[in-house]
Amino acid sequence: MQVFELSKSFINAVYKNISMKKYLILLITLSFVTTTIQAQVDVKLRINHKSGSQDFKFNDVVTAKDGYNIRFTRLQYYISKIKLIHDNGKETVLEDVYLLENAGMKLTHDLGNFDIKYLEGIKFSIGVDNGPNPNPNDPSNNTTNHADPNLWPNSHALALKSPRMHWGWSAGYRFVCMEGFSGPSTNFSCEMHALGDANYHEVDLVAGAEIINNEMVIEINADYLESLYNVNMSSGFYLHSVGGKAVTFLKNFQQRVFSASMEPIKNTTGVGSIKGHDYQMKFQPNPSDGPIKVTFKPKGNSTYLFQVFNLQGKLIEKYELNGSNAFEIEGLSVGIYHGVLLENNEAIDIQKMVIIR
């Protein structure tokens, strides 16, 4: 299924050259098409690895929240049970998707192709779930966290890895492996391998996404210094466990480590938003058998203009807003129209409106 993306720069070209009227006609036609088909899009996930405010790097000496020096030499963890929240609260569950994240690498994970118009949030769990094993090569009744990693293809996240991410069938997978050195000269060895079914927790983020090269890219931040909250490694540390400070450590991954890189913006195609600001243009009621009230959220002291076009690209109405962010459109004949909002003569949003009788 093909989906047409409306480009803000394309809209603005129309206003810079009146001879490009035919392109406005095409634009409006394509805009109508996008309202009648599903927004199939490839969704990607990227994690921005951080040590506080700086980028995470192995062997960089950084200062933990408690004031001691630490440098990391290994940091890997599993992500599973991913859920995408989108389009007014719909939840799409990604079945049988397992990611092995490495903080030393900038990875882009392909989550799949979905019917999503705009993203509102993402949920995921740290570790490997204790649910039914999706491996078609495994005839046992073992759950995913306690199944045989040898039966997964080598390329799969749950296959045997080096260094190891599996601790045996009984204990299951290591959810997070963190290793490094601490102390004034960072010569005290530190190891935290945290695991356990009871420590499998869900992260819940309100997050937006950007459309990059026709793909929806979700970026989230991960500050790994937050994982050490109430986990003191100043004099060295060693724990491979389901209990003790491993519980605190994995709770920190759930509650403190991750944050959204971008807030939700309703229109992720770039029309209707300039990064960091959602104009929230709304038509009420729509469809309407009478007047339509238009509202939007202005930015700063900008000047705004609103124009109404029919499907043939003919300008029907023009409103100079003069500081108002709410007004009514009256007197339109039955039909389908498109309203275009301009900020400082730059087109920033285009939406369909329908008049019925």
Protein backbone atom coordinates (compact mmCIF):
# COMPACT_ATOMS: atom_id res chain seq x y z
CA MET A 1 0.00 0.00 0.00
CA GLN A 2 1.43 3.39 -0.99
CA VAL A 3 1.15 6.37 1.34
CA PHE A 4 1.72 9.96 0.20
CA GLU A 5 3.59 12.23 2.63
CA LEU A 6 2.76 15.95 2.64
CA SER A 7 5.93 18.04 2.71
CA LYS A 8 5.87 21.43 4.43
CA SER A 9 8.57 22.72 2.08
CA PHE A 10 6.41 21.55 -0.84
CA ILE A 11 3.45 23.53 0.45
CA ASN A 12 5.59 26.64 0.85
CA ALA A 13 6.80 26.37 -2.74
CA VAL A 14 3.20 26.90 -3.81
CA TYR A 15 3.05 30.22 -2.04
CA LYS A 16 6.37 31.41 -3.46
CA ASN A 17 5.34 30.86 -7.07
CA ILE A 18 1.75 31.42 -8.17
CA SER A 19 2.40 29.51 -11.39
CA MET A 20 2.64 26.37 -9.24
CA LYS A 21 -1.13 26.31 -8.67
CA LYS A 22 -1.33 22.91 -10.31
CA TYR A 23 0.94 21.56 -7.57
CA LEU A 24 -1.43 22.86 -4.92
CA ILE A 25 -4.22 20.98 -6.68
CA LEU A 26 -2.10 17.84 -6.57
CA LEU A 27 -1.19 18.44 -2.94
CA ILE A 28 -4.79 18.83 -1.85
CA THR A 29 -5.81 15.76 -3.84
CA LEU A 30 -3.07 13.70 -2.19
CA SER A 31 -4.07 15.07 1.21
CA PHE A 32 -7.58 13.76 0.60
CA VAL A 33 -6.15 10.36 -0.36
CA THR A 34 -4.21 10.12 2.89
CA THR A 35 -7.38 10.63 4.91
CA THR A 36 -9.02 7.64 3.28
CA ILE A 37 -6.25 5.04 3.54
CA GLN A 38 -4.33 3.55 6.38
CA ALA A 39 -1.01 5.16 7.32
CA GLN A 40 1.23 2.15 6.74
CA VAL A 41 4.73 3.05 7.86
CA ASP A 42 7.97 1.31 8.77
CA VAL A 43 8.76 1.96 12.44
CA LYS A 44 12.31 2.15 13.80
CA LEU A 45 13.66 2.47 17.34
CA ARG A 46 16.88 4.19 18.35
CA ILE A 47 18.27 4.63 21.85
CA ASN A 48 20.52 7.59 22.62
CA HIS A 49 23.05 6.27 25.13
CA LYS A 50 24.01 8.79 27.81
CA SER A 51 26.14 9.18 30.91
CA GLY A 52 24.36 12.10 32.50
CA SER A 53 24.36 14.94 29.97
CA GLN A 54 27.19 13.53 27.85
CA ASP A 55 27.21 10.75 25.28
CA PHE A 56 27.97 7.30 26.68
CA LYS A 57 31.36 5.83 25.72
CA PHE A 58 33.11 2.76 27.02
CA ASN A 59 36.20 3.54 29.15
CA ASP A 60 35.29 7.21 29.59
CA VAL A 61 35.66 8.17 33.25
CA VAL A 62 32.39 9.71 34.42
CA THR A 63 31.05 10.80 37.79
CA ALA A 64 28.25 8.76 39.31
CA LYS A 65 25.36 10.50 41.07
CA ASP A 66 27.01 9.75 44.43
CA GLY A 67 30.21 11.54 43.38
CA TYR A 68 32.62 8.67 42.67
CA ASN A 69 34.41 7.92 39.42
CA ILE A 70 33.33 5.03 37.25
CA ARG A 71 34.12 3.84 33.75
CA PHE A 72 32.07 1.24 31.94
CA THR A 73 33.54 -1.54 29.83
CA ARG A 74 30.35 -3.48 29.10
CA LEU A 75 26.66 -2.64 29.10
CA GLN A 76 24.11 -4.87 27.37
CA TYR A 77 20.44 -5.51 28.04
CA TYR A 78 17.34 -7.11 26.57
CA ILE A 79 14.20 -5.28 25.47
CA SER A 80 10.96 -7.20 24.87
CA LYS A 81 7.16 -6.88 24.93
CA ILE A 82 7.21 -3.63 22.96
CA LYS A 83 3.90 -1.78 22.64
CA LEU A 84 3.29 1.29 20.48
CA ILE A 85 0.66 3.78 21.68
CA HIS A 86 -0.77 5.81 18.82
CA ASP A 87 -3.77 7.52 17.22
CA ASN A 88 -5.82 8.48 20.29
CA GLY A 89 -4.73 5.68 22.60
CA LYS A 90 -4.64 2.65 20.31
CA GLU A 91 -2.12 0.03 21.41
CA THR A 92 -0.20 -2.12 18.94
CA VAL A 93 1.67 -5.01 20.56
CA LEU A 94 4.80 -6.22 18.79
CA GLU A 95 4.59 -9.97 19.03
CA ASP A 96 7.79 -11.95 19.55
CA VAL A 97 10.17 -9.00 19.07
CA TYR A 98 13.34 -9.25 21.16
CA LEU A 99 16.15 -6.70 21.05
CA LEU A 100 19.64 -7.01 22.50
CA GLU A 101 20.85 -3.46 23.10
CA ASN A 102 24.55 -2.59 23.37
CA ALA A 103 25.31 0.81 24.88
CA GLY A 104 28.57 0.94 22.95
CA MET A 105 26.79 0.93 19.58
CA LYS A 106 24.31 3.24 17.85
CA LEU A 107 21.73 0.70 16.71
CA THR A 108 18.58 1.26 14.68
CA HIS A 109 16.06 -1.50 15.36
CA ASP A 110 13.44 -2.37 12.74
CA LEU A 111 10.17 -2.89 14.64
CA GLY A 112 7.99 -3.65 11.60
CA ASN A 113 5.36 -2.05 9.37
CA PHE A 114 2.19 -0.76 11.06
CA ASP A 115 -0.96 1.30 10.50
CA ILE A 116 0.10 4.36 12.49
CA LYS A 117 -0.56 8.03 11.78
CA TYR A 118 1.05 9.57 14.85
CA LEU A 119 2.81 8.15 17.89
CA GLU A 120 1.81 8.99 21.45
CA GLY A 121 3.99 6.66 23.48
CA ILE A 122 5.96 3.46 23.76
CA LYS A 123 6.04 0.69 26.35
CA PHE A 124 8.65 -2.04 26.67
CA SER A 125 10.10 -4.35 29.28
CA ILE A 126 13.72 -4.85 30.28
CA GLY A 127 14.71 -8.50 30.10
CA VAL A 128 13.09 -11.61 28.65
CA ASP A 129 9.50 -12.54 29.41
CA ASN A 130 8.33 -15.73 31.12
CA GLY A 131 5.56 -16.30 28.59
CA PRO A 132 5.08 -18.99 25.92
CA ASN A 133 8.23 -19.60 23.91
CA PRO A 134 7.76 -18.40 20.29
CA ASN A 135 10.72 -20.42 18.98
CA PRO A 136 9.36 -22.85 16.32
CA ASN A 137 12.50 -24.96 16.69
CA ASP A 138 11.88 -25.70 20.37
CA PRO A 139 9.50 -28.65 21.04
CA SER A 140 9.62 -28.19 24.83
CA ASN A 141 7.06 -26.43 27.00
CA ASN A 142 9.67 -24.15 28.53
CA THR A 143 8.85 -20.45 28.72
CA THR A 144 10.91 -17.98 26.71
CA ASN A 145 13.16 -16.97 29.60
CA HIS A 146 13.88 -20.61 30.45
CA ALA A 147 14.18 -22.18 27.01
CA ASP A 148 17.26 -23.50 25.22
CA PRO A 149 19.19 -20.61 23.57
CA ASN A 150 20.98 -23.12 21.32
CA LEU A 151 17.74 -23.64 19.38
CA TRP A 152 17.57 -20.02 18.16
CA PRO A 153 19.27 -19.02 14.88
CA ASN A 154 22.64 -17.41 15.54
CA SER A 155 21.39 -14.02 14.36
CA HIS A 156 18.50 -13.95 16.85
CA ALA A 157 18.79 -11.81 19.98
CA LEU A 158 18.03 -14.84 22.19
CA ALA A 159 20.70 -17.11 20.68
CA LEU A 160 23.88 -17.81 22.62
CA LYS A 161 26.09 -14.73 22.75
CA SER A 162 29.69 -13.92 23.55
CA PRO A 163 30.07 -12.51 26.13
CA ARG A 164 27.25 -14.59 27.54
CA MET A 165 23.77 -13.20 28.15
CA HIS A 166 22.32 -16.52 29.33
CA TRP A 167 22.80 -17.93 32.83
CA GLY A 168 21.27 -21.38 32.43
CA TRP A 169 17.79 -22.79 31.90
CA SER A 170 16.79 -22.46 35.54
CA ALA A 171 17.84 -18.83 36.02
CA GLY A 172 17.22 -17.70 32.46
CA TYR A 173 18.73 -14.78 30.61
CA ARG A 174 20.74 -11.99 32.13
CA PHE A 175 18.43 -9.00 31.75
CA VAL A 176 21.21 -6.41 32.11
CA CYS A 177 24.98 -6.89 32.18
CA MET A 178 26.99 -3.91 33.40
CA GLU A 179 30.74 -4.13 33.95
CA GLY A 180 33.49 -1.60 34.59
CA PHE A 181 35.80 -0.07 37.16
CA SER A 182 35.28 2.49 39.92
CA GLY A 183 37.20 4.48 42.51
CA PRO A 184 39.56 7.49 42.37
CA SER A 185 41.80 5.73 39.83
CA THR A 186 38.97 3.53 38.46
CA ASN A 187 40.85 0.36 39.41
CA PHE A 188 38.14 -1.34 41.52
CA SER A 189 36.33 -3.99 39.48
CA CYS A 190 32.54 -3.70 39.15
CA GLU A 191 30.08 -6.26 37.79
CA MET A 192 26.30 -6.26 37.91
CA HIS A 193 24.47 -9.06 36.12
CA ALA A 194 20.80 -8.65 37.03
CA LEU A 195 18.07 -11.13 36.14
CA GLY A 196 14.99 -12.97 37.40
CA ASP A 197 11.35 -13.34 36.39
CA ALA A 198 10.23 -11.24 39.36
CA ASN A 199 12.42 -8.38 38.13
CA TYR A 200 10.82 -8.17 34.69
CA HIS A 201 9.31 -4.67 34.61
CA GLU A 202 7.61 -2.48 32.01
CA VAL A 203 8.86 0.98 31.03
CA ASP A 204 6.06 3.36 30.02
CA LEU A 205 7.01 6.54 28.12
CA VAL A 206 4.98 9.33 26.58
CA ALA A 207 6.95 9.83 23.38
CA GLY A 208 6.71 11.16 19.85
CA ALA A 209 8.42 10.20 16.61
CA GLU A 210 9.80 11.81 13.48
CA ILE A 211 9.35 10.82 9.86
CA ILE A 212 12.83 10.40 8.35
CA ASN A 213 13.12 9.12 4.78
CA ASN A 214 9.50 7.89 4.92
CA GLU A 215 10.18 5.91 8.12
CA MET A 216 8.78 6.63 11.58
CA VAL A 217 11.77 6.87 13.91
CA ILE A 218 11.27 6.69 17.67
CA GLU A 219 14.24 7.99 19.65
CA ILE A 220 14.49 7.59 23.40
CA ASN A 221 17.25 8.62 25.80
CA ALA A 222 18.93 6.27 28.26
CA ASP A 223 21.02 7.77 31.10
CA TYR A 224 22.87 4.81 32.57
CA LEU A 225 24.17 6.74 35.58
CA GLU A 226 20.57 6.68 36.80
CA SER A 227 20.77 2.89 37.02
CA LEU A 228 23.21 3.31 39.93
CA TYR A 229 20.73 5.21 42.11
CA ASN A 230 21.00 3.57 45.57
CA VAL A 231 23.52 1.09 44.11
CA ASN A 232 26.91 2.17 45.44
CA MET A 233 29.86 0.91 43.40
CA SER A 234 32.43 3.40 44.73
CA SER A 235 34.72 0.71 46.20
CA GLY A 236 34.07 -1.97 43.61
CA PHE A 237 31.10 -4.26 43.25
CA TYR A 238 30.24 -7.82 42.23
CA LEU A 239 26.76 -9.29 41.98
CA HIS A 240 25.23 -11.85 39.63
CA SER A 241 21.78 -12.30 41.12
CA VAL A 242 18.00 -12.12 41.13
CA GLY A 243 18.03 -10.43 44.55
CA GLY A 244 19.76 -7.79 46.62
CA LYS A 245 20.84 -4.69 44.75
CA ALA A 246 19.96 -6.41 41.46
CA VAL A 247 16.33 -5.69 42.35
CA THR A 248 17.08 -1.99 42.88
CA PHE A 249 19.19 -1.86 39.73
CA LEU A 250 16.44 -3.26 37.50
CA LYS A 251 13.83 -1.03 39.14
CA ASN A 252 16.06 1.91 38.20
CA PHE A 253 16.02 0.73 34.61
CA GLN A 254 12.25 0.75 34.75
CA GLN A 255 11.75 4.07 36.53
CA ARG A 256 14.83 6.26 36.04
CA VAL A 257 17.01 5.37 33.05
CA PHE A 258 14.75 6.06 30.06
CA SER A 259 13.10 9.27 28.86
CA ALA A 260 11.52 10.49 25.65
CA SER A 261 13.72 12.29 23.15
CA MET A 262 10.68 13.94 21.57
CA GLU A 263 7.24 14.79 22.86
CA PRO A 264 4.22 13.56 20.90
CA ILE A 265 3.28 15.78 17.97
CA LYS A 266 0.00 14.85 16.33
CA ASN A 267 1.21 15.18 12.73
CA THR A 268 4.51 13.32 12.41
CA THR A 269 4.86 14.05 8.69
CA GLY A 270 6.19 17.52 9.46
CA VAL A 271 3.06 19.35 8.25
CA GLY A 272 1.31 20.99 11.19
CA SER A 273 4.35 21.09 13.45
CA ILE A 274 7.69 22.75 13.63
CA LYS A 275 9.95 20.63 15.83
CA GLY A 276 9.21 21.39 19.44
CA HIS A 277 5.80 23.02 18.82
CA ASP A 278 2.42 21.44 18.05
CA TYR A 279 -0.02 23.96 16.58
CA GLN A 280 -3.00 21.73 17.48
CA MET A 281 -5.21 23.06 14.69
CA LYS A 282 -8.76 21.72 15.04
CA PHE A 283 -12.01 22.05 13.08
CA GLN A 284 -15.22 21.65 15.14
CA PRO A 285 -17.60 20.18 14.19
CA ASN A 286 -16.19 18.36 11.21
CA PRO A 287 -18.18 17.35 9.16
CA SER A 288 -20.49 20.32 9.75
CA ASP A 289 -23.93 21.35 8.46
CA GLY A 290 -23.21 24.98 9.32
CA PRO A 291 -20.31 27.07 10.63
CA ILE A 292 -16.97 25.43 11.48
CA LYS A 293 -14.94 26.76 14.40
CA VAL A 294 -11.18 26.79 13.82
CA THR A 295 -8.79 26.84 16.76
CA PHE A 296 -5.03 26.50 16.98
CA LYS A 297 -2.14 27.08 19.36
CA PRO A 298 0.01 30.01 18.18
CA LYS A 299 3.73 30.37 18.80
CA GLY A 300 5.15 33.64 20.14
CA ASN A 301 4.29 36.86 18.34
CA SER A 302 3.98 35.34 14.89
CA THR A 303 1.36 36.54 12.41
CA TYR A 304 -1.13 34.03 11.03
CA LEU A 305 -3.23 33.70 7.90
CA PHE A 306 -5.86 31.05 7.18
CA GLN A 307 -6.99 30.11 3.67
CA VAL A 308 -9.71 27.76 2.39
CA PHE A 309 -9.30 25.91 -0.93
CA ASN A 310 -11.67 23.61 -2.77
CA LEU A 311 -10.47 20.31 -4.24
CA GLN A 312 -9.65 22.03 -7.53
CA GLY A 313 -7.15 24.27 -5.75
CA LYS A 314 -9.26 27.44 -6.00
CA LEU A 315 -8.94 29.90 -3.12
CA ILE A 316 -12.42 30.25 -1.56
CA GLU A 317 -11.85 32.24 1.63
CA LYS A 318 -8.98 34.08 3.32
CA TYR A 319 -8.80 35.16 6.97
CA GLU A 320 -6.20 37.52 8.44
CA LEU A 321 -6.24 36.50 12.08
CA ASN A 322 -4.69 39.60 13.72
CA GLY A 323 -3.85 37.92 17.01
CA SER A 324 -6.89 35.66 17.17
CA ASN A 325 -6.43 31.90 17.53
CA ALA A 326 -10.14 31.02 17.27
CA PHE A 327 -12.60 32.00 14.54
CA GLU A 328 -15.57 30.66 12.56
CA ILE A 329 -15.89 29.80 8.88
CA GLU A 330 -19.38 30.42 7.51
CA GLY A 331 -21.17 30.29 4.18
CA LEU A 332 -19.36 27.37 2.55
CA SER A 333 -21.36 25.28 0.09
CA VAL A 334 -21.70 21.52 0.52
CA GLY A 335 -18.42 19.84 -0.33
CA ILE A 336 -14.89 18.98 0.72
CA TYR A 337 -12.35 21.73 1.41
CA HIS A 338 -8.86 22.13 2.76
CA GLY A 339 -7.84 24.72 5.32
CA VAL A 340 -4.24 25.95 5.21
CA LEU A 341 -2.69 27.72 8.21
CA LEU A 342 0.25 30.04 7.49
CA GLU A 343 2.67 31.44 10.04
CA ASN A 344 4.67 34.48 8.86
CA ASN A 345 3.64 33.52 5.29
CA GLU A 346 4.93 29.96 5.80
CA ALA A 347 2.41 27.14 5.43
CA ILE A 348 2.52 25.00 8.56
CA ASP A 349 -0.68 22.91 8.52
CA ILE A 350 -3.25 21.65 6.05
CA GLN A 351 -6.38 19.73 7.03
CA LYS A 352 -9.60 18.56 5.40
CA MET A 353 -13.00 20.02 6.28
CA VAL A 354 -16.38 18.70 5.10
CA ILE A 355 -19.66 20.61 4.73
CA ILE A 356 -22.90 18.58 4.67
CA ARG A 357 -26.62 19.44 4.71
